[in-house]
Protein backbone atom coordinates (compact mmCIF):
# COMPACT_ATOMS: atom_id res chain seq x y z
CA LEU A 1 -27.56 10.31 69.14
CA MET A 2 -27.51 12.89 66.36
CA ASP A 3 -25.93 12.61 62.90
CA TRP A 4 -24.52 15.70 61.35
CA MET A 5 -26.04 14.56 57.97
CA LEU A 6 -29.83 14.53 57.84
CA PRO A 7 -32.29 14.69 55.05
CA ASP A 8 -33.87 17.98 55.47
CA MET A 9 -31.68 20.01 57.59
CA SER A 10 -28.15 19.64 59.25
CA GLY A 11 -27.84 17.84 62.58
CA VAL A 12 -26.24 21.04 63.82
CA ASP A 13 -29.23 23.08 62.98
CA LEU A 14 -31.76 20.42 64.61
CA THR A 15 -29.53 20.45 67.73
CA ARG A 16 -29.88 24.41 67.89
CA ARG A 17 -33.61 24.05 67.68
CA LEU A 18 -33.89 21.30 70.20
CA LYS A 19 -31.75 23.43 72.77
CA LYS A 20 -33.88 26.37 72.33
CA ASP A 21 -37.02 24.78 72.92
CA GLU A 22 -37.85 24.65 76.56
CA TYR A 23 -39.40 21.19 76.31
CA SER A 24 -36.28 19.61 74.74
CA ARG A 25 -33.33 21.62 75.93
CA ASP A 26 -32.53 19.31 78.67
CA ILE A 27 -32.32 16.39 76.72
CA PRO A 28 -28.79 14.91 76.32
CA LEU A 29 -27.34 14.83 72.77
CA ILE A 30 -24.43 13.42 71.40
CA MET A 31 -23.32 14.21 67.83
CA LEU A 32 -22.26 11.17 65.96
CA THR A 33 -20.69 11.92 62.57
CA ALA A 34 -18.16 11.47 59.97
CA LYS A 35 -16.97 15.07 60.20
CA SER A 36 -14.07 14.60 62.35
CA GLU A 37 -12.25 18.30 61.66
CA ILE A 38 -11.73 20.25 65.00
CA ASP A 39 -13.54 22.96 63.45
CA ASP A 40 -16.63 20.60 62.93
CA ARG A 41 -16.37 19.23 66.46
CA VAL A 42 -16.20 22.87 67.91
CA LYS A 43 -19.24 23.66 65.58
CA GLY A 44 -21.28 20.59 67.07
CA LEU A 45 -20.20 21.36 70.59
CA GLU A 46 -21.14 25.11 70.06
CA ALA A 47 -24.61 24.03 68.80
CA GLY A 48 -25.32 22.59 71.82
CA ALA A 49 -24.27 18.97 71.76
CA ASP A 50 -22.94 17.51 75.06
CA ASP A 51 -20.38 15.40 73.54
CA TYR A 52 -19.11 14.68 69.84
CA VAL A 53 -18.26 11.20 68.34
CA PRO A 54 -16.45 11.24 64.90
CA LYS A 55 -16.81 7.97 62.83
CA PRO A 56 -15.39 5.51 63.05
CA PHE A 57 -15.74 4.70 66.55
CA SER A 58 -15.72 1.85 68.90
CA PRO A 59 -19.14 0.78 70.31
CA ARG A 60 -17.52 0.38 73.73
CA GLU A 61 -16.43 4.04 73.61
CA LEU A 62 -19.62 5.13 72.65
CA VAL A 63 -21.54 3.32 75.30
CA ALA A 64 -18.88 4.92 77.87
CA ARG A 65 -19.56 8.24 76.22
CA ILE A 66 -23.38 7.78 76.77
CA ARG A 67 -23.05 6.75 80.13
CA ALA A 68 -20.68 9.77 80.94
CA VAL A 69 -23.16 12.14 79.15
CA LEU A 70 -26.15 10.91 81.45
CA ARG A 71 -24.16 11.15 84.40
CA ARG A 72 -23.35 14.60 83.82
CA THR A 73 -26.68 15.66 82.75
CA VAL A 74 -29.07 13.43 84.66
CA GLY A 75 -27.00 12.81 87.52
CA ASP A 76 -27.32 10.31 90.01
CA ASP A 77 -30.80 11.22 90.93
CA LEU A 78 -32.46 8.91 88.70
CA ASP A 79 -33.25 6.20 91.39
CA ALA A 80 -33.25 8.95 94.35
CA SER A 81 -36.31 9.70 96.23
CA LEU A 82 -38.03 13.21 96.12
CA SER A 83 -38.98 14.93 99.37
CA LEU A 84 -40.71 18.16 100.75
CA GLY A 85 -42.49 19.13 103.72
CA GLY A 86 -42.41 15.42 105.23
CA VAL A 87 -43.78 13.90 102.04
CA THR A 88 -41.20 11.34 100.27
CA LEU A 89 -41.89 9.77 96.82
CA ASP A 90 -39.69 6.80 96.03
CA ASP A 91 -39.66 6.01 92.33
CA GLU A 92 -38.04 2.61 92.63
CA THR A 93 -40.78 1.23 94.83
CA HIS A 94 -43.40 3.53 93.85
CA ARG A 95 -44.21 4.46 97.23
CA VAL A 96 -45.32 7.87 98.81
CA THR A 97 -44.96 8.34 102.49
CA ALA A 98 -45.96 11.30 104.79
CA ASP A 99 -43.86 11.44 107.77
CA GLY A 100 -43.08 7.83 107.51
CA ARG A 101 -46.87 6.72 106.90
CA GLU A 102 -47.65 5.19 103.33
CA LEU A 103 -49.96 7.00 101.40
CA GLU A 104 -52.36 5.47 98.74
CA MET A 105 -52.29 7.05 95.38
CA GLY A 106 -53.12 6.33 91.55
CA PRO A 107 -50.64 6.38 89.02
CA THR A 108 -51.48 9.68 87.51
CA GLU A 109 -51.46 11.41 90.92
CA PHE A 110 -48.13 9.52 91.46
CA ARG A 111 -46.76 11.34 88.32
CA LEU A 112 -48.22 14.55 89.33
CA LEU A 113 -46.55 14.54 92.70
CA ARG A 114 -43.38 13.45 91.21
CA PHE A 115 -43.57 16.41 88.84
CA PHE A 116 -44.29 19.01 91.73
CA LEU A 117 -41.65 17.58 94.13
CA ALA A 118 -39.14 17.80 91.48
CA ASN A 119 -40.05 21.62 90.88
CA PRO A 120 -40.76 22.90 94.40
CA GLU A 121 -42.02 26.60 94.67
CA ARG A 122 -42.30 26.92 90.89
CA VAL A 123 -45.78 27.86 89.61
CA PHE A 124 -47.26 26.10 86.50
CA SER A 125 -50.27 26.64 84.59
CA ARG A 126 -52.54 23.89 83.70
CA GLU A 127 -51.43 23.77 80.24
CA GLN A 128 -47.92 23.50 81.43
CA ILE A 129 -48.71 20.70 83.72
CA LEU A 130 -50.82 18.86 81.02
CA ASP A 131 -47.56 19.03 78.99
CA TYR A 132 -45.25 17.81 81.46
CA VAL A 133 -47.38 15.09 83.22
CA TRP A 134 -49.60 13.60 80.50
CA GLY A 135 -46.94 14.67 77.41
CA ARG A 136 -47.39 17.50 74.50
CA ASN A 137 -49.57 15.15 72.40
CA SER A 138 -52.26 14.93 74.92
CA PHE A 139 -55.69 16.35 73.93
CA LEU A 140 -57.06 16.57 77.32
CA GLU A 141 -59.18 19.48 78.61
CA GLU A 142 -57.20 21.88 81.34
CA ARG A 143 -59.70 21.05 83.88
CA THR A 144 -58.45 17.62 83.81
CA VAL A 145 -55.62 18.91 85.80
CA ASP A 146 -57.95 20.30 88.34
CA VAL A 147 -59.69 16.77 88.73
CA HIS A 148 -56.11 15.19 89.46
CA ILE A 149 -55.11 18.03 91.83
CA ARG A 150 -58.34 17.19 93.85
CA ARG A 151 -57.54 13.60 93.87
CA LEU A 152 -53.67 14.39 94.89
CA ARG A 153 -54.81 16.47 97.78
CA LYS A 154 -57.18 13.89 98.92
CA SER A 155 -54.64 11.43 99.26
CA LEU A 156 -52.16 13.90 100.95
CA GLU A 157 -55.25 14.98 103.05
CA SER A 158 -55.27 11.80 105.13
CA ALA A 159 -51.73 12.79 106.52
CA GLY A 160 -52.59 16.45 106.90
CA LYS A 161 -50.22 17.31 103.75
CA ASP A 162 -52.92 18.54 101.21
CA GLY A 163 -51.43 22.15 101.88
CA LEU A 164 -48.44 21.13 99.77
CA ILE A 165 -50.23 21.64 96.49
CA GLN A 166 -51.21 25.16 96.48
CA THR A 167 -53.63 27.06 94.06
CA VAL A 168 -52.26 30.27 92.61
CA ARG A 169 -55.11 32.35 91.64
CA GLY A 170 -55.31 33.07 87.87
CA VAL A 171 -52.01 31.15 87.16
CA GLY A 172 -51.86 27.52 88.17
CA TYR A 173 -50.72 25.43 91.05
CA ARG A 174 -47.39 24.99 92.81
CA CYS A 175 -45.78 22.55 95.53
CA SER A 176 -44.64 24.35 98.68
CA ASP A 177 -44.33 23.47 102.27
CA ARG A 178 -44.52 27.29 103.13
CA LEU A 179 -48.01 28.25 104.57
CA GLN A 180 -50.19 29.79 101.89
CA THR A 181 -51.85 33.01 102.80
CA SER A 182 -54.99 34.48 101.72
């Protein structure tokens, strides 16, 4: 929820900033403000707000709008499992299976696999992986990623699925069910 009236900058300016940043652009944002003129609403929505609620408002309506925005932006995939190449990750049960066989995996490797399965075929640098999996405020060495990739591959190896996590020389890693050449 973003208020238009903020101490150091307007909520509209902050909304624009958040929507331009690759790490925050997908965060659902509802503008909540006393400014209720049509021009103000249009300005807020054009800045990137997903919805605009003028004050005064009904708490029930606000909750309904929040749920609607979450359905539109996050979708119904919150509880869904992710799958690629015979490997399935289930967030609800915190289980990973390969061709129906359950795999043992630590919490960091689970988060790493979730990240890769949610972004198949996309190559990520170590720095990007650190940011997405450990958080932007983590102060870890980039080689930490290599250690956890090795552990993840070891977990997948027991089912013959270690080839899912591929090294892209000089760039980083990707998750793919296509055979890697060279």
